[in-house]
Amino acid sequence: MWDPNYILSVVKDRDPRIGSCADTGHWVRSGLKPVECLRILKGRIISSHLKDLNEFGKHEAHDLPYGTGVSDVPAILDELKRQHFEGNISVEYEYKWEDSVPDVAQCVGFVRGYEVTRK
């Protein structure tokens, strides 16, 4: 269920603890801009699977280290911060599965660096 408008229609009149996992990879592959999707789901984001991808609107797009792809990870993190998001963010990295640790570490470093530069 990647369509934020559909998810909002299902959860909007329910307990605020019922919401969405904001999966930026699904959104980017589907041609949706993650920041716009986050804004639609404001107040209903429980967690996030954060991805940066090499292509927008392509099902076969693959992961890249944060900040090097088309997902605009800084803007995503800015929007989550603006919404006072306190859930968990999962580094979801499936490209080069057998040798992804260096890229995952770069993603973690990007988020840590973001926190330092945005304080």
PDB file of N, CA and C in Angstrom:
ATOM      1  N   MET A   1       0.836  -1.179   0.000  1.00  0.00           N
ATOM      2  CA  MET A   1       0.000   0.000   0.000  1.00  0.00           C
ATOM      3  C   MET A   1       0.879   1.239   0.000  1.00  0.00           C
ATOM      4  N   TRP A   2       1.264   1.697  -1.154  1.00  0.00           N
ATOM      5  CA  TRP A   2       2.196   2.812  -1.259  1.00  0.00           C
ATOM      6  C   TRP A   2       1.517   4.161  -1.476  1.00  0.00           C
ATOM      7  N   ASP A   3       0.243   4.171  -1.845  1.00  0.00           N
ATOM      8  CA  ASP A   3      -0.435   5.427  -2.168  1.00  0.00           C
ATOM      9  C   ASP A   3      -0.802   6.176  -0.887  1.00  0.00           C
ATOM     10  N   PRO A   4      -0.156   7.310  -0.609  1.00  0.00           N
ATOM     11  CA  PRO A   4      -0.410   8.018   0.644  1.00  0.00           C
ATOM     12  C   PRO A   4      -1.849   8.515   0.775  1.00  0.00           C
ATOM     13  N   ASN A   5      -2.481   8.861  -0.324  1.00  0.00           N
ATOM     14  CA  ASN A   5      -3.876   9.306  -0.256  1.00  0.00           C
ATOM     15  C   ASN A   5      -4.793   8.168   0.164  1.00  0.00           C
ATOM     16  N   TYR A   6      -4.529   6.976  -0.353  1.00  0.00           N
ATOM     17  CA  TYR A   6      -5.326   5.814   0.048  1.00  0.00           C
ATOM     18  C   TYR A   6      -5.112   5.498   1.527  1.00  0.00           C
ATOM     19  N   ILE A   7      -3.865   5.479   1.953  1.00  0.00           N
ATOM     20  CA  ILE A   7      -3.562   5.183   3.354  1.00  0.00           C
ATOM     21  C   ILE A   7      -4.254   6.195   4.263  1.00  0.00           C
ATOM     22  N   LEU A   8      -4.162   7.469   3.914  1.00  0.00           N
ATOM     23  CA  LEU A   8      -4.813   8.493   4.730  1.00  0.00           C
ATOM     24  C   LEU A   8      -6.322   8.272   4.788  1.00  0.00           C
ATOM     25  N   SER A   9      -6.922   7.881   3.679  1.00  0.00           N
ATOM     26  CA  SER A   9      -8.369   7.655   3.669  1.00  0.00           C
ATOM     27  C   SER A   9      -8.768   6.515   4.599  1.00  0.00           C
ATOM     28  N   VAL A  10      -7.878   5.557   4.790  1.00  0.00           N
ATOM     29  CA  VAL A  10      -8.170   4.409   5.651  1.00  0.00           C
ATOM     30  C   VAL A  10      -7.952   4.749   7.130  1.00  0.00           C
ATOM     31  N   VAL A  11      -6.973   5.594   7.446  1.00  0.00           N
ATOM     32  CA  VAL A  11      -6.605   5.819   8.848  1.00  0.00           C
ATOM     33  C   VAL A  11      -7.097   7.133   9.440  1.00  0.00           C
ATOM     34  N   LYS A  12      -7.551   8.067   8.623  1.00  0.00           N
ATOM     35  CA  LYS A  12      -7.817   9.428   9.105  1.00  0.00           C
ATOM     36  C   LYS A  12      -8.821   9.516  10.249  1.00  0.00           C
ATOM     37  N   ASP A  13      -9.793   8.643  10.305  1.00  0.00           N
ATOM     38  CA  ASP A  13     -10.804   8.702  11.364  1.00  0.00           C
ATOM     39  C   ASP A  13     -10.566   7.664  12.459  1.00  0.00           C
ATOM     40  N   ARG A  14      -9.391   7.123  12.510  1.00  0.00           N
ATOM     41  CA  ARG A  14      -9.067   6.091  13.498  1.00  0.00           C
ATOM     42  C   ARG A  14      -8.124   6.650  14.563  1.00  0.00           C
ATOM     43  N   ASP A  15      -7.853   5.838  15.546  1.00  0.00           N
ATOM     44  CA  ASP A  15      -6.923   6.205  16.609  1.00  0.00           C
ATOM     45  C   ASP A  15      -5.618   6.710  15.995  1.00  0.00           C
ATOM     46  N   PRO A  16      -5.022   7.779  16.535  1.00  0.00           N
ATOM     47  CA  PRO A  16      -3.802   8.337  15.947  1.00  0.00           C
ATOM     48  C   PRO A  16      -2.609   7.389  15.966  1.00  0.00           C
ATOM     49  N   ARG A  17      -2.705   6.312  16.711  1.00  0.00           N
ATOM     50  CA  ARG A  17      -1.602   5.341  16.704  1.00  0.00           C
ATOM     51  C   ARG A  17      -1.637   4.445  15.468  1.00  0.00           C
ATOM     52  N   ILE A  18      -2.678   4.559  14.675  1.00  0.00           N
ATOM     53  CA  ILE A  18      -2.776   3.798  13.431  1.00  0.00           C
ATOM     54  C   ILE A  18      -2.331   4.709  12.304  1.00  0.00           C
ATOM     55  N   GLY A  19      -1.313   4.278  11.576  1.00  0.00           N
ATOM     56  CA  GLY A  19      -0.771   5.141  10.545  1.00  0.00           C
ATOM     57  C   GLY A  19      -0.047   4.383   9.466  1.00  0.00           C
ATOM     58  N   SER A  20       1.082   4.919   9.065  1.00  0.00           N
ATOM     59  CA  SER A  20       1.789   4.421   7.896  1.00  0.00           C
ATOM     60  C   SER A  20       3.275   4.266   8.154  1.00  0.00           C
ATOM     61  N   CYS A  21       3.863   3.302   7.449  1.00  0.00           N
ATOM     62  CA  CYS A  21       5.312   3.237   7.324  1.00  0.00           C
ATOM     63  C   CYS A  21       5.641   3.969   6.028  1.00  0.00           C
ATOM     64  N   ALA A  22       6.307   5.078   6.135  1.00  0.00           N
ATOM     65  CA  ALA A  22       6.646   5.892   4.970  1.00  0.00           C
ATOM     66  C   ALA A  22       7.802   5.232   4.230  1.00  0.00           C
ATOM     67  N   ASP A  23       7.495   4.549   3.142  1.00  0.00           N
ATOM     68  CA  ASP A  23       8.504   3.830   2.366  1.00  0.00           C
ATOM     69  C   ASP A  23       8.892   4.668   1.153  1.00  0.00           C
ATOM     70  N   THR A  24       9.970   5.402   1.292  1.00  0.00           N
ATOM     71  CA  THR A  24      10.364   6.343   0.242  1.00  0.00           C
ATOM     72  C   THR A  24      10.756   5.632  -1.049  1.00  0.00           C
ATOM     73  N   GLY A  25      11.242   4.417  -0.956  1.00  0.00           N
ATOM     74  CA  GLY A  25      11.595   3.665  -2.159  1.00  0.00           C
ATOM     75  C   GLY A  25      10.384   3.351  -3.016  1.00  0.00           C
ATOM     76  N   HIS A  26       9.305   2.903  -2.387  1.00  0.00           N
ATOM     77  CA  HIS A  26       8.072   2.641  -3.147  1.00  0.00           C
ATOM     78  C   HIS A  26       7.568   3.916  -3.808  1.00  0.00           C
ATOM     79  N   TRP A  27       7.616   5.013  -3.066  1.00  0.00           N
ATOM     80  CA  TRP A  27       7.129   6.279  -3.618  1.00  0.00           C
ATOM     81  C   TRP A  27       7.944   6.719  -4.826  1.00  0.00           C
ATOM     82  N   VAL A  28       9.270   6.706  -4.696  1.00  0.00           N
ATOM     83  CA  VAL A  28      10.128   7.146  -5.798  1.00  0.00           C
ATOM     84  C   VAL A  28       9.950   6.242  -7.014  1.00  0.00           C
ATOM     85  N   ARG A  29       9.906   4.936  -6.809  1.00  0.00           N
ATOM     86  CA  ARG A  29       9.694   4.008  -7.928  1.00  0.00           C
ATOM     87  C   ARG A  29       8.336   4.240  -8.587  1.00  0.00           C
ATOM     88  N   SER A  30       7.365   4.687  -7.820  1.00  0.00           N
ATOM     89  CA  SER A  30       6.018   4.914  -8.345  1.00  0.00           C
ATOM     90  C   SER A  30       5.845   6.319  -8.925  1.00  0.00           C
ATOM     91  N   GLY A  31       6.914   7.103  -8.942  1.00  0.00           N
ATOM     92  CA  GLY A  31       6.842   8.440  -9.504  1.00  0.00           C
ATOM     93  C   GLY A  31       6.244   9.476  -8.566  1.00  0.00           C
ATOM     94  N   LEU A  32       6.260   9.188  -7.274  1.00  0.00           N
ATOM     95  CA  LEU A  32       5.742  10.122  -6.271  1.00  0.00           C
ATOM     96  C   LEU A  32       6.906  10.758  -5.529  1.00  0.00           C
ATOM     97  N   LYS A  33       6.806  12.042  -5.254  1.00  0.00           N
ATOM     98  CA  LYS A  33       7.861  12.746  -4.526  1.00  0.00           C
ATOM     99  C   LYS A  33       7.679  12.496  -3.032  1.00  0.00           C
ATOM    100  N   PRO A  34       8.698  11.955  -2.384  1.00  0.00           N
ATOM    101  CA  PRO A  34       8.573  11.588  -0.971  1.00  0.00           C
ATOM    102  C   PRO A  34       8.127  12.723  -0.052  1.00  0.00           C
ATOM    103  N   VAL A  35       8.640  13.930  -0.235  1.00  0.00           N
ATOM    104  CA  VAL A  35       8.264  15.027   0.663  1.00  0.00           C
ATOM    105  C   VAL A  35       6.770  15.330   0.541  1.00  0.00           C
ATOM    106  N   GLU A  36       6.246  15.299  -0.668  1.00  0.00           N
ATOM    107  CA  GLU A  36       4.807  15.512  -0.856  1.00  0.00           C
ATOM    108  C   GLU A  36       4.006  14.411  -0.165  1.00  0.00           C
ATOM    109  N   CYS A  37       4.468  13.177  -0.266  1.00  0.00           N
ATOM    110  CA  CYS A  37       3.788  12.045   0.384  1.00  0.00           C
ATOM    111  C   CYS A  37       3.824  12.197   1.906  1.00  0.00           C
ATOM    112  N   LEU A  38       4.960  12.612   2.433  1.00  0.00           N
ATOM    113  CA  LEU A  38       5.071  12.829   3.878  1.00  0.00           C
ATOM    114  C   LEU A  38       4.094  13.902   4.339  1.00  0.00           C
ATOM    115  N   ARG A  39       3.952  14.927   3.546  1.00  0.00           N
ATOM    116  CA  ARG A  39       3.024  16.003   3.913  1.00  0.00           C
ATOM    117  C   ARG A  39       1.575  15.515   3.921  1.00  0.00           C
ATOM    118  N   ILE A  40       1.234  14.659   2.974  1.00  0.00           N
ATOM    119  CA  ILE A  40      -0.116  14.088   2.940  1.00  0.00           C
ATOM    120  C   ILE A  40      -0.377  13.288   4.206  1.00  0.00           C
ATOM    121  N   LEU A  41       0.625  12.559   4.666  1.00  0.00           N
ATOM    122  CA  LEU A  41       0.473  11.658   5.810  1.00  0.00           C
ATOM    123  C   LEU A  41       0.842  12.299   7.147  1.00  0.00           C
ATOM    124  N   LYS A  42       0.993  13.601   7.175  1.00  0.00           N
ATOM    125  CA  LYS A  42       1.402  14.293   8.400  1.00  0.00           C
ATOM    126  C   LYS A  42       0.566  13.826   9.600  1.00  0.00           C
ATOM    127  N   GLY A  43       1.285  13.479  10.663  1.00  0.00           N
ATOM    128  CA  GLY A  43       0.627  13.021  11.880  1.00  0.00           C
ATOM    129  C   GLY A  43       0.296  11.544  11.887  1.00  0.00           C
ATOM    130  N   ARG A  44       0.484  10.880  10.768  1.00  0.00           N
ATOM    131  CA  ARG A  44       0.152   9.453  10.654  1.00  0.00           C
ATOM    132  C   ARG A  44       1.356   8.597  10.293  1.00  0.00           C
ATOM    133  N   ILE A  45       2.543   9.170  10.342  1.00  0.00           N
ATOM    134  CA  ILE A  45       3.743   8.406  10.011  1.00  0.00           C
ATOM    135  C   ILE A  45       4.266   7.762  11.286  1.00  0.00           C
ATOM    136  N   ILE A  46       4.261   6.446  11.293  1.00  0.00           N
ATOM    137  CA  ILE A  46       4.681   5.670  12.461  1.00  0.00           C
ATOM    138  C   ILE A  46       6.172   5.320  12.367  1.00  0.00           C
ATOM    139  N   SER A  47       6.619   5.001  11.153  1.00  0.00           N
ATOM    140  CA  SER A  47       8.010   4.625  10.919  1.00  0.00           C
ATOM    141  C   SER A  47       8.332   4.925   9.457  1.00  0.00           C
ATOM    142  N   SER A  48       9.597   4.730   9.093  1.00  0.00           N
ATOM    143  CA  SER A  48       9.995   4.975   7.711  1.00  0.00           C
ATOM    144  C   SER A  48      11.032   3.966   7.259  1.00  0.00           C
ATOM    145  N   HIS A  49      10.893   3.526   6.024  1.00  0.00           N
ATOM    146  CA  HIS A  49      11.938   2.789   5.314  1.00  0.00           C
ATOM    147  C   HIS A  49      12.550   3.803   4.362  1.00  0.00           C
ATOM    148  N   LEU A  50      13.719   4.266   4.688  1.00  0.00           N
ATOM    149  CA  LEU A  50      14.355   5.329   3.924  1.00  0.00           C
ATOM    150  C   LEU A  50      15.258   4.748   2.853  1.00  0.00           C
ATOM    151  N   LYS A  51      15.073   5.230   1.626  1.00  0.00           N
ATOM    152  CA  LYS A  51      15.895   4.812   0.493  1.00  0.00           C
ATOM    153  C   LYS A  51      16.266   6.029  -0.336  1.00  0.00           C
ATOM    154  N   ASP A  52      17.400   5.933  -0.975  1.00  0.00           N
ATOM    155  CA  ASP A  52      17.768   6.861  -2.027  1.00  0.00           C
ATOM    156  C   ASP A  52      17.991   5.989  -3.259  1.00  0.00           C
ATOM    157  N   LEU A  53      17.360   6.340  -4.364  1.00  0.00           N
ATOM    158  CA  LEU A  53      17.416   5.511  -5.563  1.00  0.00           C
ATOM    159  C   LEU A  53      18.108   6.230  -6.711  1.00  0.00           C
ATOM    160  N   ASN A  54      18.533   5.454  -7.690  1.00  0.00           N
ATOM    161  CA  ASN A  54      19.263   6.013  -8.830  1.00  0.00           C
ATOM    162  C   ASN A  54      18.359   6.596  -9.910  1.00  0.00           C
ATOM    163  N   GLU A  55      17.059   6.225  -9.940  1.00  0.00           N
ATOM    164  CA  GLU A  55      16.146   6.723 -10.963  1.00  0.00           C
ATOM    165  C   GLU A  55      14.769   6.983 -10.364  1.00  0.00           C
ATOM    166  N   PHE A  56      14.084   7.956 -10.903  1.00  0.00           N
ATOM    167  CA  PHE A  56      12.746   8.325 -10.455  1.00  0.00           C
ATOM    168  C   PHE A  56      11.707   7.716 -11.391  1.00  0.00           C
ATOM    169  N   GLY A  57      10.684   7.092 -10.793  1.00  0.00           N
ATOM    170  CA  GLY A  57       9.582   6.558 -11.582  1.00  0.00           C
ATOM    171  C   GLY A  57       9.881   5.271 -12.321  1.00  0.00           C
ATOM    172  N   LYS A  58      10.913   4.562 -11.933  1.00  0.00           N
ATOM    173  CA  LYS A  58      11.293   3.303 -12.594  1.00  0.00           C
ATOM    174  C   LYS A  58      11.258   2.161 -11.582  1.00  0.00           C
ATOM    175  N   HIS A  59      10.486   1.141 -11.891  1.00  0.00           N
ATOM    176  CA  HIS A  59      10.365  -0.002 -10.981  1.00  0.00           C
ATOM    177  C   HIS A  59      11.721  -0.660 -10.719  1.00  0.00           C
ATOM    178  N   GLU A  60      12.598  -0.665 -11.721  1.00  0.00           N
ATOM    179  CA  GLU A  60      13.891  -1.342 -11.582  1.00  0.00           C
ATOM    180  C   GLU A  60      14.974  -0.466 -10.956  1.00  0.00           C
ATOM    181  N   ALA A  61      14.630   0.709 -10.475  1.00  0.00           N
ATOM    182  CA  ALA A  61      15.608   1.579  -9.812  1.00  0.00           C
ATOM    183  C   ALA A  61      16.244   0.852  -8.629  1.00  0.00           C
ATOM    184  N   HIS A  62      17.497   1.185  -8.353  1.00  0.00           N
ATOM    185  CA  HIS A  62      18.196   0.522  -7.243  1.00  0.00           C
ATOM    186  C   HIS A  62      18.733   1.533  -6.238  1.00  0.00           C
ATOM    187  N   ASP A  63      19.068   1.019  -5.064  1.00  0.00           N
ATOM    188  CA  ASP A  63      19.561   1.827  -3.957  1.00  0.00           C
ATOM    189  C   ASP A  63      20.902   2.478  -4.287  1.00  0.00           C
ATOM    190  N   LEU A  64      21.077   3.635  -3.674  1.00  0.00           N
ATOM    191  CA  LEU A  64      22.363   4.328  -3.654  1.00  0.00           C
ATOM    192  C   LEU A  64      22.569   4.845  -2.234  1.00  0.00           C
ATOM    193  N   PRO A  65      23.811   5.122  -1.851  1.00  0.00           N
ATOM    194  CA  PRO A  65      24.017   5.752  -0.542  1.00  0.00           C
ATOM    195  C   PRO A  65      23.246   7.070  -0.462  1.00  0.00           C
ATOM    196  N   TYR A  66      22.736   7.356   0.715  1.00  0.00           N
ATOM    197  CA  TYR A  66      21.935   8.563   0.915  1.00  0.00           C
ATOM    198  C   TYR A  66      22.681   9.797   0.426  1.00  0.00           C
ATOM    199  N   GLY A  67      21.911  10.670  -0.219  1.00  0.00           N
ATOM    200  CA  GLY A  67      22.468  11.918  -0.708  1.00  0.00           C
ATOM    201  C   GLY A  67      23.061  11.830  -2.095  1.00  0.00           C
ATOM    202  N   THR A  68      23.102  10.631  -2.697  1.00  0.00           N
ATOM    203  CA  THR A  68      23.706  10.488  -4.021  1.00  0.00           C
ATOM    204  C   THR A  68      22.681  10.143  -5.094  1.00  0.00           C
ATOM    205  N   GLY A  69      21.425   9.963  -4.712  1.00  0.00           N
ATOM    206  CA  GLY A  69      20.388   9.585  -5.670  1.00  0.00           C
ATOM    207  C   GLY A  69      19.370  10.675  -5.894  1.00  0.00           C
ATOM    208  N   VAL A  70      18.190  10.266  -6.372  1.00  0.00           N
ATOM    209  CA  VAL A  70      17.136  11.203  -6.781  1.00  0.00           C
ATOM    210  C   VAL A  70      16.061  11.421  -5.718  1.00  0.00           C
ATOM    211  N   SER A  71      16.174  10.762  -4.574  1.00  0.00           N
ATOM    212  CA  SER A  71      15.097  10.810  -3.577  1.00  0.00           C
ATOM    213  C   SER A  71      15.055  12.096  -2.757  1.00  0.00           C
ATOM    214  N   ASP A  72      16.118  12.856  -2.762  1.00  0.00           N
ATOM    215  CA  ASP A  72      16.244  14.091  -1.975  1.00  0.00           C
ATOM    216  C   ASP A  72      16.148  13.801  -0.477  1.00  0.00           C
ATOM    217  N   VAL A  73      17.042  12.959  -0.009  1.00  0.00           N
ATOM    218  CA  VAL A  73      17.060  12.544   1.392  1.00  0.00           C
ATOM    219  C   VAL A  73      17.157  13.738   2.354  1.00  0.00           C
ATOM    220  N   PRO A  74      17.959  14.778   2.079  1.00  0.00           N
ATOM    221  CA  PRO A  74      17.953  15.918   3.012  1.00  0.00           C
ATOM    222  C   PRO A  74      16.564  16.526   3.174  1.00  0.00           C
ATOM    223  N   ALA A  75      15.828  16.681   2.086  1.00  0.00           N
ATOM    224  CA  ALA A  75      14.472  17.248   2.178  1.00  0.00           C
ATOM    225  C   ALA A  75      13.525  16.308   2.924  1.00  0.00           C
ATOM    226  N   ILE A  76      13.709  15.014   2.752  1.00  0.00           N
ATOM    227  CA  ILE A  76      12.894  14.035   3.489  1.00  0.00           C
ATOM    228  C   ILE A  76      13.150  14.178   4.983  1.00  0.00           C
ATOM    229  N   LEU A  77      14.416  14.210   5.362  1.00  0.00           N
ATOM    230  CA  LEU A  77      14.755  14.351   6.777  1.00  0.00           C
ATOM    231  C   LEU A  77      14.282  15.694   7.328  1.00  0.00           C
ATOM    232  N   ASP A  78      14.387  16.750   6.521  1.00  0.00           N
ATOM    233  CA  ASP A  78      13.881  18.058   6.949  1.00  0.00           C
ATOM    234  C   ASP A  78      12.381  17.993   7.222  1.00  0.00           C
ATOM    235  N   GLU A  79      11.643  17.339   6.340  1.00  0.00           N
ATOM    236  CA  GLU A  79      10.192  17.257   6.516  1.00  0.00           C
ATOM    237  C   GLU A  79       9.826  16.417   7.739  1.00  0.00           C
ATOM    238  N   LEU A  80      10.515  15.312   7.937  1.00  0.00           N
ATOM    239  CA  LEU A  80      10.251  14.499   9.128  1.00  0.00           C
ATOM    240  C   LEU A  80      10.532  15.311  10.393  1.00  0.00           C
ATOM    241  N   LYS A  81      11.606  16.060  10.371  1.00  0.00           N
ATOM    242  CA  LYS A  81      11.940  16.898  11.525  1.00  0.00           C
ATOM    243  C   LYS A  81      10.879  17.981  11.727  1.00  0.00           C
ATOM    244  N   ARG A  82      10.435  18.601  10.636  1.00  0.00           N
ATOM    245  CA  ARG A  82       9.406  19.644  10.723  1.00  0.00           C
ATOM    246  C   ARG A  82       8.117  19.089  11.336  1.00  0.00           C
ATOM    247  N   GLN A  83       7.829  17.824  11.051  1.00  0.00           N
ATOM    248  CA  GLN A  83       6.633  17.182  11.586  1.00  0.00           C
ATOM    249  C   GLN A  83       6.846  16.638  13.001  1.00  0.00           C
ATOM    250  N   HIS A  84       8.027  16.829  13.555  1.00  0.00           N
ATOM    251  CA  HIS A  84       8.363  16.306  14.891  1.00  0.00           C
ATOM    252  C   HIS A  84       8.216  14.787  14.944  1.00  0.00           C
ATOM    253  N   PHE A  85       8.607  14.141  13.860  1.00  0.00           N
ATOM    254  CA  PHE A  85       8.559  12.686  13.760  1.00  0.00           C
ATOM    255  C   PHE A  85       9.484  12.074  14.804  1.00  0.00           C
ATOM    256  N   GLU A  86       8.972  11.120  15.550  1.00  0.00           N
ATOM    257  CA  GLU A  86       9.776  10.472  16.593  1.00  0.00           C
ATOM    258  C   GLU A  86       9.849   8.963  16.423  1.00  0.00           C
ATOM    259  N   GLY A  87       9.376   8.449  15.311  1.00  0.00           N
ATOM    260  CA  GLY A  87       9.429   7.008  15.061  1.00  0.00           C
ATOM    261  C   GLY A  87      10.806   6.574  14.597  1.00  0.00           C
ATOM    262  N   ASN A  88      10.896   5.324  14.202  1.00  0.00           N
ATOM    263  CA  ASN A  88      12.185   4.819  13.741  1.00  0.00           C
ATOM    264  C   ASN A  88      12.312   4.976  12.227  1.00  0.00           C
ATOM    265  N   ILE A  89      13.542   5.151  11.802  1.00  0.00           N
ATOM    266  CA  ILE A  89      13.883   5.189  10.386  1.00  0.00           C
ATOM    267  C   ILE A  89      14.797   4.008  10.112  1.00  0.00           C
ATOM    268  N   SER A  90      14.351   3.138   9.230  1.00  0.00           N
ATOM    269  CA  SER A  90      15.143   1.959   8.870  1.00  0.00           C
ATOM    270  C   SER A  90      15.940   2.241   7.609  1.00  0.00           C
ATOM    271  N   VAL A  91      17.228   1.906   7.645  1.00  0.00           N
ATOM    272  CA  VAL A  91      18.034   1.950   6.435  1.00  0.00           C
ATOM    273  C   VAL A  91      17.654   0.711   5.645  1.00  0.00           C
ATOM    274  N   GLU A  92      16.955   0.915   4.548  1.00  0.00           N
ATOM    275  CA  GLU A  92      16.540  -0.211   3.713  1.00  0.00           C
ATOM    276  C   GLU A  92      17.410  -0.185   2.467  1.00  0.00           C
ATOM    277  N   TYR A  93      18.310  -1.138   2.380  1.00  0.00           N
ATOM    278  CA  TYR A  93      19.300  -1.144   1.298  1.00  0.00           C
ATOM    279  C   TYR A  93      19.411  -2.551   0.750  1.00  0.00           C
ATOM    280  N   GLU A  94      18.931  -2.769  -0.456  1.00  0.00           N
ATOM    281  CA  GLU A  94      18.876  -4.116  -1.027  1.00  0.00           C
ATOM    282  C   GLU A  94      19.801  -4.314  -2.223  1.00  0.00           C
ATOM    283  N   TYR A  95      20.403  -3.255  -2.706  1.00  0.00           N
ATOM    284  CA  TYR A  95      21.292  -3.360  -3.865  1.00  0.00           C
ATOM    285  C   TYR A  95      22.642  -3.927  -3.414  1.00  0.00           C
ATOM    286  N   LYS A  96      23.251  -4.725  -4.267  1.00  0.00           N
ATOM    287  CA  LYS A  96      24.532  -5.367  -3.948  1.00  0.00           C
ATOM    288  C   LYS A  96      24.442  -6.072  -2.587  1.00  0.00           C
ATOM    289  N   TRP A  97      23.412  -6.882  -2.423  1.00  0.00           N
ATOM    290  CA  TRP A  97      23.071  -7.514  -1.149  1.00  0.00           C
ATOM    291  C   TRP A  97      24.269  -8.176  -0.472  1.00  0.00           C
ATOM    292  N   GLU A  98      25.113  -8.825  -1.237  1.00  0.00           N
ATOM    293  CA  GLU A  98      26.244  -9.557  -0.661  1.00  0.00           C
ATOM    294  C   GLU A  98      27.381  -8.642  -0.207  1.00  0.00           C
ATOM    295  N   ASP A  99      27.374  -7.402  -0.643  1.00  0.00           N
ATOM    296  CA  ASP A  99      28.463  -6.486  -0.302  1.00  0.00           C
ATOM    297  C   ASP A  99      27.915  -5.078  -0.042  1.00  0.00           C
ATOM    298  N   SER A 100      26.843  -4.991   0.731  1.00  0.00           N
ATOM    299  CA  SER A 100      26.189  -3.697   0.935  1.00  0.00           C
ATOM    300  C   SER A 100      26.653  -2.953   2.192  1.00  0.00           C
ATOM    301  N   VAL A 101      27.432  -3.595   3.044  1.00  0.00           N
ATOM    302  CA  VAL A 101      27.800  -2.983   4.321  1.00  0.00           C
ATOM    303  C   VAL A 101      28.477  -1.616   4.148  1.00  0.00           C
ATOM    304  N   PRO A 102      29.417  -1.443   3.222  1.00  0.00           N
ATOM    305  CA  PRO A 102      30.010  -0.104   3.071  1.00  0.00           C
ATOM    306  C   PRO A 102      28.977   0.962   2.679  1.00  0.00           C
ATOM    307  N   ASP A 103      28.039   0.618   1.818  1.00  0.00           N
ATOM    308  CA  ASP A 103      27.020   1.582   1.411  1.00  0.00           C
ATOM    309  C   ASP A 103      26.046   1.870   2.552  1.00  0.00           C
ATOM    310  N   VAL A 104      25.689   0.836   3.311  1.00  0.00           N
ATOM    311  CA  VAL A 104      24.810   1.039   4.469  1.00  0.00           C
ATOM    312  C   VAL A 104      25.514   1.932   5.490  1.00  0.00           C
ATOM    313  N   ALA A 105      26.792   1.697   5.710  1.00  0.00           N
ATOM    314  CA  ALA A 105      27.556   2.540   6.637  1.00  0.00           C
ATOM    315  C   ALA A 105      27.583   3.985   6.154  1.00  0.00           C
ATOM    316  N   GLN A 106      27.674   4.184   4.845  1.00  0.00           N
ATOM    317  CA  GLN A 106      27.646   5.544   4.297  1.00  0.00           C
ATOM    318  C   GLN A 106      26.279   6.190   4.554  1.00  0.00           C
ATOM    319  N   CYS A 107      25.209   5.400   4.464  1.00  0.00           N
ATOM    320  CA  CYS A 107      23.863   5.921   4.760  1.00  0.00           C
ATOM    321  C   CYS A 107      23.765   6.359   6.218  1.00  0.00           C
ATOM    322  N   VAL A 108      24.262   5.533   7.111  1.00  0.00           N
ATOM    323  CA  VAL A 108      24.247   5.871   8.538  1.00  0.00           C
ATOM    324  C   VAL A 108      25.060   7.137   8.777  1.00  0.00           C
ATOM    325  N   GLY A 109      26.221   7.224   8.150  1.00  0.00           N
ATOM    326  CA  GLY A 109      27.052   8.418   8.281  1.00  0.00           C
ATOM    327  C   GLY A 109      26.356   9.663   7.751  1.00  0.00           C
ATOM    328  N   PHE A 110      25.596   9.511   6.681  1.00  0.00           N
ATOM    329  CA  PHE A 110      24.855  10.651   6.134  1.00  0.00           C
ATOM    330  C   PHE A 110      23.850  11.172   7.151  1.00  0.00           C
ATOM    331  N   VAL A 111      23.097  10.260   7.770  1.00  0.00           N
ATOM    332  CA  VAL A 111      22.096  10.672   8.755  1.00  0.00           C
ATOM    333  C   VAL A 111      22.771  11.303   9.965  1.00  0.00           C
ATOM    334  N   ARG A 112      23.854  10.729  10.421  1.00  0.00           N
ATOM    335  CA  ARG A 112      24.584  11.329  11.545  1.00  0.00           C
ATOM    336  C   ARG A 112      25.090  12.716  11.186  1.00  0.00           C
ATOM    337  N   GLY A 113      25.612  12.876   9.992  1.00  0.00           N
ATOM    338  CA  GLY A 113      26.078  14.178   9.533  1.00  0.00           C
ATOM    339  C   GLY A 113      24.937  15.169   9.396  1.00  0.00           C
ATOM    340  N   TYR A 114      23.784  14.700   8.965  1.00  0.00           N
ATOM    341  CA  TYR A 114      22.605  15.552   8.870  1.00  0.00           C
ATOM    342  C   TYR A 114      22.262  16.116  10.237  1.00  0.00           C
ATOM    343  N   GLU A 115      22.245  15.276  11.239  1.00  0.00           N
ATOM    344  CA  GLU A 115      21.904  15.718  12.587  1.00  0.00           C
ATOM    345  C   GLU A 115      22.865  16.786  13.087  1.00  0.00           C
ATOM    346  N   VAL A 116      24.131  16.641  12.782  1.00  0.00           N
ATOM    347  CA  VAL A 116      25.133  17.604  13.233  1.00  0.00           C
ATOM    348  C   VAL A 116      24.949  18.937  12.519  1.00  0.00           C
ATOM    349  N   THR A 117      24.699  18.906  11.209  1.00  0.00           N
ATOM    350  CA  THR A 117      24.612  20.151  10.450  1.00  0.00           C
ATOM    351  C   THR A 117      23.284  20.864  10.641  1.00  0.00           C
ATOM    352  N   ARG A 118      22.250  20.181  11.098  1.00  0.00           N
ATOM    353  CA  ARG A 118      20.919  20.788  11.226  1.00  0.00           C
ATOM    354  C   ARG A 118      20.595  21.276  12.638  1.00  0.00           C
ATOM    355  N   LYS A 119      21.492  21.053  13.595  1.00  0.00           N
ATOM    356  CA  LYS A 119      21.200  21.461  14.980  1.00  0.00           C
ATOM    357  C   LYS A 119      21.399  22.934  15.178  1.00  0.00           C
TER     358      LYS A 119
END
